[in-house]
Amino acid sequence: MSNLNYQEKIPNNVDLSNDLSLQRALEHWQPKFKSWWNDMGPDGFQSYDVYLRTAVSVDAAGWASYGKVKMPEYRWGIFLADQVKDKKIHFGDNIGKPVWQQVPGDYRSVLRRLIVTQGDTEPASVEQQRMLGKTCPSLFDLRNLFQVNVEEGRHLWAMVYLLHAYFGRDGREEAESLLERNSGDQDNPRILGTFNEPISDWVSFFMFTYFTDRDGKYQLKSLAESSFDPLARTCQFMLTEEAHHMQVGESGITRMIERTLEKMKELKTDSVDNIRNAGAVDLVTIQKYINFWFSSSLDLFGSEISTNAATAFANGLKGRPDEFRYNDHSEKNTLFDIEAFENGKLINKKVPMRNAMNEITRQAYVDDCNIGIKRWNRLIKKYGYEEYSLALPSTKFRRNIGVWANLSINPKGEFINQDIYNRKLASWLPSENDKKFINSLMIQELDPSKTASWITKPRRGINNQEIDYSYVDLN
């Protein structure tokens, strides 16, 4: 197992000190990153000590230590999973050949694009969430927000290292651009649309970390299969950190639903107005937020039928998540059944399996998202509300990319009249009044013993600390 060297200016386990040119390039980028962090990172909390975890090992069984640190002093670094000796390419057209330790010339531009696109999402989410500290429901949640933020910053470092180490001047220029684009900027926005959506409230934050970070999990899983070994090893370790982000989302939504159910039981009513007047988020509104963030995240996988996806798989650049689960790792002559809409009709068609890689990954993502939905519905039934259930909208709903793009399809997956769709869309997604109500609940709570009215206390603290531990020192 490789050691993480925290004695160097840039912590790493890639023996950076033995590549002075690369070290100098990254040390030149480092102050620009810190300047970006101070300008675009969590607003108003940079001078406080936060109880954060820091990687000390790439071994998932015991990889982190906990302690208080000011966020600008967090030791961001470059960490790759340990190299596997004599590792072979395990999918596509080059099965059995040695994995690549350098970028093959033929795949240089495609690999760079994959790395830049992944890298662009990491600072984007920090920018989207930078104001949330001012409305945190508890110190526990505030700390979790900051943990997510610093790890997204480290994930940016992971991609920047690859760009600097393997892509020369082009890579260095791309690394500079990662700090120049900003989420929601009209002139220079982030690459992917979802990462330009505002996250101005904690309901959206929990939905984002549940749904959009889960998309990130599947993108990282696909890249962790790559025949470009440094990319694969980088993403393998990123997945260890990414798991916490999704857990923050799931537990946050669960606690929000539980508070709603407590109020419904206490008041003996399911009236939206009564629930809201009691300071909780009604289930109808929670469903709207699910509809918005799930449908927004679906487009991140790309089109259902994609020649780019087929080429990436064939060349070994990007695999299926958990490729070991499949029997055929070539898929050269196999077909995949896909539903499509052509010439005004719904049809079922067979397409080459390789061309359906985006859809295969999206289906795995949908199945994973449904795990949380089932848990929340069990909780609703536990409180005696058999008639209520939350649901993922159809994967055809509100799509802007792929075979279902710009079609008038309701959350149940049914085609409806365009005028009716336009009229009812506001009732399926958070309305301006819904957002105004949610924002009225977003009152900052900094007393370690208290939690905001709209969400229950967490069941347990972090790293065996008490729930009311001072996770952020505000004195």
Protein backbone atom coordinates (compact mmCIF):
# COMPACT_ATOMS: atom_id res chain seq x y z
CA MET A 1 0.00 0.00 0.00
CA SER A 2 1.43 3.39 -0.98
CA ASN A 3 1.99 6.05 1.67
CA LEU A 4 0.36 9.48 1.57
CA ASN A 5 3.12 12.05 1.95
CA TYR A 6 1.86 15.07 3.91
CA GLN A 7 5.33 16.53 4.37
CA GLU A 8 5.39 18.00 0.87
CA LYS A 9 3.78 21.26 -0.19
CA ILE A 10 1.26 19.22 -2.18
CA PRO A 11 0.34 16.02 -0.29
CA ASN A 12 0.50 13.03 -2.62
CA ASN A 13 1.22 9.35 -3.08
CA VAL A 14 2.52 9.68 -6.65
CA ASP A 15 6.17 10.44 -5.77
CA LEU A 16 5.76 14.00 -6.94
CA SER A 17 9.13 15.12 -5.60
CA ASN A 18 10.88 12.97 -8.21
CA ASP A 19 9.27 14.86 -11.09
CA LEU A 20 10.42 18.43 -10.53
CA SER A 21 8.86 19.82 -13.71
CA LEU A 22 5.43 18.46 -12.78
CA GLN A 23 5.88 19.55 -9.18
CA ARG A 24 6.67 23.12 -10.23
CA ALA A 25 3.67 23.22 -12.58
CA LEU A 26 1.30 22.06 -9.86
CA GLU A 27 2.83 24.41 -7.29
CA HIS A 28 2.22 27.21 -9.78
CA TRP A 29 -1.46 26.16 -10.01
CA GLN A 30 -1.87 25.71 -6.25
CA PRO A 31 -2.14 29.42 -5.26
CA LYS A 32 -4.68 29.94 -8.05
CA PHE A 33 -6.74 27.13 -6.57
CA LYS A 34 -6.54 28.65 -3.10
CA SER A 35 -7.54 32.03 -4.48
CA TRP A 36 -10.53 30.40 -6.19
CA TRP A 37 -11.42 28.64 -2.91
CA ASN A 38 -11.33 31.89 -0.94
CA ASP A 39 -13.43 33.66 -3.57
CA MET A 40 -15.88 30.91 -4.51
CA GLY A 41 -15.79 28.45 -1.59
CA PRO A 42 -18.10 28.49 1.48
CA ASP A 43 -18.98 32.11 2.17
CA GLY A 44 -18.47 33.48 5.67
CA PHE A 45 -16.80 30.47 7.32
CA GLN A 46 -13.24 30.41 6.03
CA SER A 47 -11.71 31.48 9.36
CA TYR A 48 -13.43 28.88 11.57
CA ASP A 49 -12.13 25.49 12.64
CA VAL A 50 -14.21 22.66 11.18
CA TYR A 51 -14.21 18.99 12.22
CA LEU A 52 -13.11 17.43 8.92
CA ARG A 53 -11.76 14.09 7.81
CA THR A 54 -8.56 13.91 5.81
CA ALA A 55 -7.30 10.96 3.79
CA VAL A 56 -4.34 9.19 5.38
CA SER A 57 -4.55 5.98 3.36
CA VAL A 58 -6.01 4.75 0.08
CA ASP A 59 -7.20 1.64 1.91
CA ALA A 60 -10.98 1.87 2.23
CA ALA A 61 -10.89 0.01 5.54
CA GLY A 62 -9.06 2.76 7.39
CA TRP A 63 -8.30 5.65 5.15
CA ALA A 64 -9.13 8.83 7.10
CA SER A 65 -8.35 10.80 10.23
CA TYR A 66 -10.55 13.45 11.85
CA GLY A 67 -9.61 16.77 13.35
CA LYS A 68 -10.40 20.46 13.34
CA VAL A 69 -8.89 22.61 10.64
CA LYS A 70 -9.68 25.88 8.90
CA MET A 71 -10.90 25.09 5.41
CA PRO A 72 -8.30 27.19 3.53
CA GLU A 73 -5.64 25.18 5.41
CA TYR A 74 -7.12 21.81 4.47
CA ARG A 75 -4.44 19.59 2.95
CA TRP A 76 -5.79 18.96 -0.53
CA GLY A 77 -3.67 16.44 -2.33
CA ILE A 78 -3.20 13.90 -5.11
CA PHE A 79 -4.09 10.34 -4.17
CA LEU A 80 -4.43 7.31 -6.44
CA ALA A 81 -5.47 3.80 -5.50
CA ASP A 82 -2.54 1.38 -5.40
CA GLN A 83 -1.30 0.10 -8.74
CA VAL A 84 -2.09 -3.52 -9.59
CA LYS A 85 0.93 -5.35 -10.98
CA ASP A 86 0.58 -6.68 -14.54
CA LYS A 87 -2.97 -5.37 -14.84
CA LYS A 88 -4.63 -6.07 -18.18
CA ILE A 89 -7.31 -4.31 -20.21
CA HIS A 90 -10.56 -6.08 -19.38
CA PHE A 91 -13.13 -4.77 -21.87
CA GLY A 92 -13.49 -3.54 -25.43
CA ASP A 93 -11.32 -4.47 -28.39
CA ASN A 94 -8.01 -4.67 -26.54
CA ILE A 95 -8.85 -7.22 -23.87
CA GLY A 96 -5.75 -8.91 -22.45
CA LYS A 97 -3.26 -6.22 -23.41
CA PRO A 98 -1.44 -4.27 -20.67
CA VAL A 99 -3.26 -1.22 -19.35
CA TRP A 100 -1.78 2.11 -20.40
CA GLN A 101 0.48 4.06 -18.08
CA GLN A 102 0.71 6.87 -20.65
CA VAL A 103 -1.97 8.34 -22.92
CA PRO A 104 -2.08 6.68 -26.35
CA GLY A 105 -1.83 9.36 -29.02
CA ASP A 106 -4.98 8.22 -30.82
CA TYR A 107 -7.09 8.74 -27.68
CA ARG A 108 -5.49 11.90 -26.36
CA SER A 109 -8.28 14.35 -27.17
CA VAL A 110 -11.10 12.03 -26.07
CA LEU A 111 -9.45 11.21 -22.75
CA ARG A 112 -8.71 14.88 -22.13
CA ARG A 113 -12.35 15.73 -22.77
CA LEU A 114 -13.53 13.03 -20.35
CA ILE A 115 -11.17 14.29 -17.63
CA VAL A 116 -12.04 17.95 -18.18
CA THR A 117 -15.78 17.26 -18.09
CA GLN A 118 -15.46 15.28 -14.86
CA GLY A 119 -13.10 17.87 -13.40
CA ASP A 120 -15.45 20.74 -14.24
CA THR A 121 -18.23 19.30 -12.07
CA GLU A 122 -16.11 19.33 -8.90
CA PRO A 123 -15.60 23.09 -8.40
CA ALA A 124 -19.05 23.71 -9.88
CA SER A 125 -20.83 22.06 -6.95
CA VAL A 126 -18.73 24.07 -4.45
CA GLU A 127 -19.80 27.25 -6.23
CA GLN A 128 -23.44 26.17 -6.27
CA GLN A 129 -23.39 25.56 -2.52
CA ARG A 130 -21.23 28.45 -1.32
CA MET A 131 -24.02 30.41 0.42
CA LEU A 132 -25.70 27.48 2.19
CA GLY A 133 -23.75 27.90 5.43
CA LYS A 134 -25.81 31.00 6.16
CA THR A 135 -29.00 28.93 6.41
CA CYS A 136 -27.71 25.66 7.92
CA PRO A 137 -30.28 23.66 9.94
CA SER A 138 -27.65 22.55 12.47
CA LEU A 139 -23.91 22.56 13.15
CA PHE A 140 -23.91 18.87 12.24
CA ASP A 141 -25.29 19.69 8.78
CA LEU A 142 -22.97 22.66 8.42
CA ARG A 143 -19.98 20.41 8.99
CA ASN A 144 -21.30 17.86 6.46
CA LEU A 145 -21.67 20.62 3.89
CA PHE A 146 -18.08 21.67 4.41
CA GLN A 147 -16.84 18.08 4.25
CA VAL A 148 -18.55 17.66 0.89
CA ASN A 149 -17.06 20.96 -0.29
CA VAL A 150 -13.44 20.21 0.64
CA GLU A 151 -13.67 16.75 -0.93
CA GLU A 152 -15.05 18.21 -4.14
CA GLY A 153 -12.02 20.48 -4.04
CA ARG A 154 -9.77 17.45 -3.69
CA HIS A 155 -11.52 15.77 -6.60
CA LEU A 156 -10.67 18.84 -8.66
CA TRP A 157 -7.03 18.32 -7.67
CA ALA A 158 -7.30 14.70 -8.82
CA MET A 159 -8.32 15.70 -12.33
CA VAL A 160 -5.87 18.61 -12.50
CA TYR A 161 -3.02 16.24 -11.64
CA LEU A 162 -3.94 14.03 -14.61
CA LEU A 163 -4.14 17.04 -16.92
CA HIS A 164 -0.74 18.34 -15.82
CA ALA A 165 0.99 14.97 -15.69
CA TYR A 166 -0.21 13.45 -18.97
CA PHE A 167 -1.44 16.17 -21.35
CA GLY A 168 1.36 18.74 -21.55
CA ARG A 169 0.56 22.35 -22.42
CA ASP A 170 -3.03 21.49 -23.44
CA GLY A 171 -3.57 19.93 -20.03
CA ARG A 172 -2.15 22.94 -18.19
CA GLU A 173 -4.41 25.27 -20.14
CA GLU A 174 -7.44 23.10 -19.37
CA ALA A 175 -6.51 23.14 -15.67
CA GLU A 176 -6.48 26.94 -15.77
CA SER A 177 -9.91 26.96 -17.42
CA LEU A 178 -11.36 24.81 -14.64
CA LEU A 179 -10.93 27.80 -12.33
CA GLU A 180 -12.15 30.35 -14.88
CA ARG A 181 -15.60 28.92 -15.54
CA ASN A 182 -18.17 29.54 -12.81
CA SER A 183 -21.50 27.91 -12.04
CA GLY A 184 -24.36 29.95 -13.47
CA ASP A 185 -22.08 32.51 -15.15
CA GLN A 186 -23.87 33.73 -18.27
CA ASP A 187 -20.66 34.31 -20.19
CA ASN A 188 -18.54 31.37 -18.96
CA PRO A 189 -20.77 28.72 -17.32
CA ARG A 190 -19.88 25.22 -16.26
CA ILE A 191 -19.93 22.60 -19.00
CA LEU A 192 -22.96 20.56 -17.86
CA GLY A 193 -26.34 22.21 -17.34
CA THR A 194 -27.17 20.67 -13.96
CA PHE A 195 -24.05 22.26 -12.50
CA ASN A 196 -25.34 25.71 -13.37
CA GLU A 197 -28.58 25.25 -11.42
CA PRO A 198 -28.77 27.42 -8.28
CA ILE A 199 -28.77 25.62 -4.93
CA SER A 200 -30.17 28.28 -2.62
CA ASP A 201 -31.79 26.03 0.00
CA TRP A 202 -31.00 22.85 1.91
CA VAL A 203 -33.82 20.84 0.35
CA SER A 204 -32.07 21.32 -2.98
CA PHE A 205 -28.71 20.53 -1.38
CA PHE A 206 -29.94 17.20 -0.02
CA MET A 207 -31.57 16.38 -3.36
CA PHE A 208 -28.40 17.32 -5.22
CA THR A 209 -26.18 15.16 -3.02
CA TYR A 210 -28.62 12.25 -3.33
CA PHE A 211 -29.38 12.42 -7.06
CA THR A 212 -26.62 14.41 -8.77
CA ASP A 213 -23.74 13.08 -6.70
CA ARG A 214 -25.12 9.62 -7.41
CA ASP A 215 -24.73 10.40 -11.09
CA GLY A 216 -21.15 11.31 -10.19
CA LYS A 217 -20.76 7.90 -8.58
CA TYR A 218 -21.72 6.15 -11.82
CA GLN A 219 -19.54 8.39 -13.96
CA LEU A 220 -16.60 7.65 -11.66
CA LYS A 221 -17.40 3.94 -11.72
CA SER A 222 -17.30 4.00 -15.52
CA LEU A 223 -13.98 5.87 -15.55
CA ALA A 224 -12.57 3.57 -12.85
CA GLU A 225 -12.76 0.79 -15.46
CA SER A 226 -10.61 2.75 -17.92
CA SER A 227 -7.61 1.16 -19.62
CA PHE A 228 -5.74 4.42 -18.86
CA ASP A 229 -4.54 3.19 -15.50
CA PRO A 230 -3.79 6.53 -13.77
CA LEU A 231 -7.36 7.66 -14.51
CA ALA A 232 -8.82 4.38 -13.26
CA ARG A 233 -6.81 4.50 -10.03
CA THR A 234 -7.68 8.16 -9.46
CA CYS A 235 -11.40 7.46 -9.78
CA GLN A 236 -11.24 4.37 -7.59
CA PHE A 237 -10.09 6.49 -4.67
CA MET A 238 -12.53 9.31 -5.47
CA LEU A 239 -15.36 6.80 -5.09
CA THR A 240 -14.32 6.23 -1.48
CA GLU A 241 -14.93 9.91 -0.75
CA GLU A 242 -18.03 10.21 -2.96
CA ALA A 243 -19.94 7.69 -0.82
CA HIS A 244 -20.17 10.22 2.01
CA HIS A 245 -21.79 12.83 -0.24
CA MET A 246 -24.65 10.52 -1.17
CA GLN A 247 -25.09 9.49 2.47
CA VAL A 248 -25.47 13.18 3.38
CA GLY A 249 -28.25 13.46 0.80
CA GLU A 250 -30.10 10.30 1.80
CA SER A 251 -29.97 10.97 5.54
CA GLY A 252 -30.95 14.62 5.03
CA ILE A 253 -34.02 13.73 2.96
CA THR A 254 -34.94 10.98 5.45
CA ARG A 255 -34.78 13.40 8.38
CA MET A 256 -36.86 15.96 6.48
CA ILE A 257 -39.55 13.37 5.66
CA GLU A 258 -39.55 12.12 9.23
CA ARG A 259 -40.21 15.63 10.58
CA THR A 260 -43.09 15.98 8.10
CA LEU A 261 -44.58 12.67 9.23
CA GLU A 262 -44.23 13.64 12.88
CA LYS A 263 -46.20 16.82 12.22
CA MET A 264 -48.85 14.97 10.21
CA LYS A 265 -49.33 12.54 13.09
CA GLU A 266 -49.28 15.25 15.74
CA LEU A 267 -51.79 17.46 13.91
CA LYS A 268 -53.83 14.51 12.60
CA THR A 269 -53.89 16.08 9.14
CA ASP A 270 -52.30 15.81 5.73
CA SER A 271 -53.28 19.34 4.75
CA VAL A 272 -50.43 21.01 2.87
CA ASP A 273 -51.22 24.37 4.46
CA ASN A 274 -51.36 22.93 7.97
CA ILE A 275 -48.09 21.05 7.54
CA ARG A 276 -46.40 24.16 6.21
CA ASN A 277 -47.80 26.32 9.00
CA ALA A 278 -46.25 23.84 11.43
CA GLY A 279 -42.84 24.52 9.91
CA ALA A 280 -42.38 21.27 7.97
CA VAL A 281 -42.07 20.47 4.26
CA ASP A 282 -45.17 18.73 2.91
CA LEU A 283 -44.79 15.51 0.95
CA VAL A 284 -46.24 17.08 -2.21
CA THR A 285 -43.41 19.62 -2.27
CA ILE A 286 -40.82 16.96 -1.52
CA GLN A 287 -42.08 15.03 -4.56
CA LYS A 288 -41.67 18.15 -6.70
CA TYR A 289 -38.03 18.48 -5.65
CA ILE A 290 -37.47 14.80 -6.44
CA ASN A 291 -38.99 15.38 -9.88
CA PHE A 292 -36.70 18.33 -10.54
CA TRP A 293 -33.33 16.96 -9.40
CA PHE A 294 -33.82 13.41 -10.69
CA SER A 295 -34.89 14.55 -14.17
CA SER A 296 -32.11 17.11 -14.27
CA SER A 297 -29.52 14.48 -13.39
CA LEU A 298 -30.70 11.99 -16.04
CA ASP A 299 -29.39 14.09 -18.91
CA LEU A 300 -25.86 13.92 -17.46
CA PHE A 301 -25.57 10.37 -18.82
CA GLY A 302 -25.98 11.51 -22.42
CA SER A 303 -28.11 10.15 -25.24
CA GLU A 304 -29.63 6.66 -25.07
CA ILE A 305 -28.03 5.75 -28.40
CA SER A 306 -24.51 7.08 -28.74
CA THR A 307 -21.68 6.42 -31.16
CA ASN A 308 -19.33 8.28 -28.80
CA ALA A 309 -20.21 5.87 -25.99
CA ALA A 310 -19.65 2.92 -28.35
CA THR A 311 -16.24 4.24 -29.37
CA ALA A 312 -15.21 4.90 -25.77
CA PHE A 313 -16.14 1.33 -24.79
CA ALA A 314 -14.55 -0.28 -27.84
CA ASN A 315 -11.28 1.56 -27.26
CA GLY A 316 -11.23 0.83 -23.54
CA LEU A 317 -11.54 4.46 -22.45
CA LYS A 318 -14.70 4.15 -20.37
CA GLY A 319 -16.39 0.95 -19.25
CA ARG A 320 -19.67 0.01 -17.67
CA PRO A 321 -19.93 0.51 -13.91
CA ASP A 322 -18.81 -2.72 -12.21
CA GLU A 323 -17.77 -4.29 -15.50
CA PHE A 324 -17.03 -7.56 -13.67
CA ARG A 325 -20.80 -8.14 -13.32
CA TYR A 326 -21.16 -8.80 -17.05
CA ASN A 327 -20.35 -12.02 -18.88
CA ASP A 328 -19.42 -10.49 -22.23
CA HIS A 329 -16.78 -7.78 -21.92
CA SER A 330 -16.47 -7.20 -25.64
CA GLU A 331 -20.14 -6.83 -26.67
CA LYS A 332 -18.99 -6.66 -30.27
CA ASN A 333 -21.95 -8.38 -31.86
CA THR A 334 -24.62 -8.18 -29.16
CA LEU A 335 -27.80 -6.13 -29.22
CA PHE A 336 -29.74 -4.15 -26.63
CA ASP A 337 -33.50 -3.57 -26.57
CA ILE A 338 -34.35 0.10 -26.33
CA GLU A 339 -37.59 2.05 -26.42
CA ALA A 340 -37.61 5.07 -28.70
CA PHE A 341 -39.91 7.61 -30.32
CA GLU A 342 -39.65 7.84 -34.09
CA ASN A 343 -41.99 9.32 -36.69
CA GLY A 344 -44.54 10.14 -34.03
CA LYS A 345 -44.70 6.58 -32.67
CA LEU A 346 -43.34 4.67 -29.71
CA ILE A 347 -41.25 1.77 -30.94
CA ASN A 348 -39.02 -0.94 -29.54
CA LYS A 349 -35.78 -1.40 -31.41
CA LYS A 350 -32.59 -3.35 -31.09
CA VAL A 351 -29.37 -1.37 -31.17
CA PRO A 352 -25.75 -2.50 -30.86
CA MET A 353 -24.96 -3.02 -27.20
CA ARG A 354 -21.96 -0.72 -27.44
CA ASN A 355 -24.16 2.14 -28.64
CA ALA A 356 -26.39 1.71 -25.57
CA MET A 357 -23.68 2.10 -22.92
CA ASN A 358 -25.09 5.42 -21.69
CA GLU A 359 -28.51 3.87 -21.24
CA ILE A 360 -27.12 0.82 -19.46
CA THR A 361 -25.35 3.11 -17.00
CA ARG A 362 -28.46 5.27 -16.61
CA GLN A 363 -30.60 2.22 -15.80
CA ALA A 364 -28.15 1.17 -13.09
CA TYR A 365 -28.36 4.70 -11.69
CA VAL A 366 -32.17 4.64 -11.69
CA ASP A 367 -32.21 1.32 -9.82
CA ASP A 368 -29.82 2.78 -7.25
CA CYS A 369 -31.95 5.92 -6.81
CA ASN A 370 -35.01 3.75 -6.21
CA ILE A 371 -33.40 2.19 -3.14
CA GLY A 372 -33.84 5.46 -1.26
CA ILE A 373 -37.38 5.93 -2.58
CA LYS A 374 -38.35 2.51 -1.21
CA ARG A 375 -36.87 3.34 2.19
CA TRP A 376 -38.75 6.63 2.38
CA ASN A 377 -42.01 4.93 1.42
CA ARG A 378 -41.48 2.33 4.15
CA LEU A 379 -41.04 5.21 6.60
CA ILE A 380 -44.27 6.84 5.37
CA LYS A 381 -46.16 3.57 5.85
CA LYS A 382 -44.59 3.09 9.28
CA TYR A 383 -46.34 6.30 10.30
CA GLY A 384 -49.64 4.90 9.01
CA TYR A 385 -50.01 6.80 5.74
CA GLU A 386 -50.67 3.89 3.40
CA GLU A 387 -52.19 6.14 0.73
CA TYR A 388 -49.01 8.18 0.25
CA SER A 389 -45.91 7.21 -1.65
CA LEU A 390 -43.03 9.04 -3.27
CA ALA A 391 -41.80 8.01 -6.72
CA LEU A 392 -39.15 8.73 -9.27
CA PRO A 393 -40.64 10.39 -12.34
CA SER A 394 -40.36 8.56 -15.63
CA THR A 395 -36.94 8.73 -17.27
CA LYS A 396 -38.78 10.27 -20.25
CA PHE A 397 -39.97 13.27 -18.23
CA ARG A 398 -38.40 16.71 -18.79
CA ARG A 399 -35.51 15.46 -20.87
CA ASN A 400 -33.33 17.78 -22.93
CA ILE A 401 -30.96 15.15 -24.35
CA GLY A 402 -31.64 11.86 -26.11
CA VAL A 403 -34.64 10.19 -27.69
CA TRP A 404 -37.09 11.81 -25.24
CA ALA A 405 -35.74 15.34 -25.56
CA ASN A 406 -38.29 18.17 -25.68
CA LEU A 407 -41.32 15.88 -25.76
CA SER A 408 -44.50 16.56 -23.78
CA ILE A 409 -44.39 13.61 -21.39
CA ASN A 410 -45.75 13.72 -17.84
CA PRO A 411 -44.00 12.28 -14.76
CA LYS A 412 -45.79 8.95 -15.29
CA GLY A 413 -44.21 8.64 -18.72
CA GLU A 414 -47.40 9.37 -20.66
CA PHE A 415 -47.55 11.53 -23.77
CA ILE A 416 -49.91 14.47 -23.29
CA ASN A 417 -50.98 17.51 -25.26
CA GLN A 418 -48.25 20.16 -25.44
CA ASP A 419 -50.52 22.91 -24.09
CA ILE A 420 -51.54 20.74 -21.15
CA TYR A 421 -47.88 19.88 -20.53
CA ASN A 422 -46.89 23.55 -20.51
CA ARG A 423 -49.73 24.37 -18.15
CA LYS A 424 -49.09 21.52 -15.72
CA LEU A 425 -45.28 21.56 -15.66
CA ALA A 426 -45.31 24.12 -12.85
CA SER A 427 -47.38 21.73 -10.72
CA TRP A 428 -44.84 18.92 -11.14
CA LEU A 429 -41.79 21.04 -10.26
CA PRO A 430 -41.12 23.47 -7.42
CA SER A 431 -43.05 26.66 -8.14
CA GLU A 432 -41.93 30.13 -7.15
CA ASN A 433 -44.34 29.95 -4.20
CA ASP A 434 -42.87 26.59 -3.18
CA LYS A 435 -39.36 28.03 -3.32
CA LYS A 436 -40.48 31.08 -1.34
CA PHE A 437 -41.93 28.82 1.35
CA ILE A 438 -38.82 26.62 1.47
CA ASN A 439 -36.62 29.69 1.78
CA SER A 440 -38.78 30.93 4.66
CA LEU A 441 -37.75 27.80 6.58
CA MET A 442 -34.06 28.32 5.90
CA ILE A 443 -33.14 29.97 9.20
CA GLN A 444 -29.59 29.41 10.37
CA GLU A 445 -29.26 27.33 13.56
CA LEU A 446 -25.80 27.46 15.14
CA ASP A 447 -26.62 26.23 18.65
CA PRO A 448 -25.00 22.74 18.84
CA SER A 449 -27.97 21.40 20.82
CA LYS A 450 -30.63 22.58 18.38
CA THR A 451 -31.91 21.67 14.91
CA ALA A 452 -34.19 23.66 12.59
CA SER A 453 -37.93 22.98 12.74
CA TRP A 454 -38.22 21.36 9.32
CA ILE A 455 -35.80 18.47 9.90
CA THR A 456 -35.20 15.97 12.71
CA LYS A 457 -31.95 15.65 14.60
CA PRO A 458 -29.47 13.14 13.21
CA ARG A 459 -29.54 9.75 14.89
CA ARG A 460 -25.82 9.68 15.59
CA GLY A 461 -22.83 11.95 15.45
CA ILE A 462 -19.75 11.85 13.26
CA ASN A 463 -16.81 9.59 14.10
CA ASN A 464 -18.40 8.61 17.45
CA GLN A 465 -18.83 12.22 18.54
CA GLU A 466 -22.04 13.33 20.23
CA ILE A 467 -24.80 14.77 18.07
CA ASP A 468 -24.46 18.12 19.84
CA TYR A 469 -20.68 18.21 19.51
CA SER A 470 -19.33 21.58 18.34
CA TYR A 471 -18.53 20.45 14.79
CA VAL A 472 -17.69 24.01 13.77
CA ASP A 473 -15.97 26.35 16.25
CA LEU A 474 -17.64 29.69 15.83
CA ASN A 475 -15.86 31.52 18.67
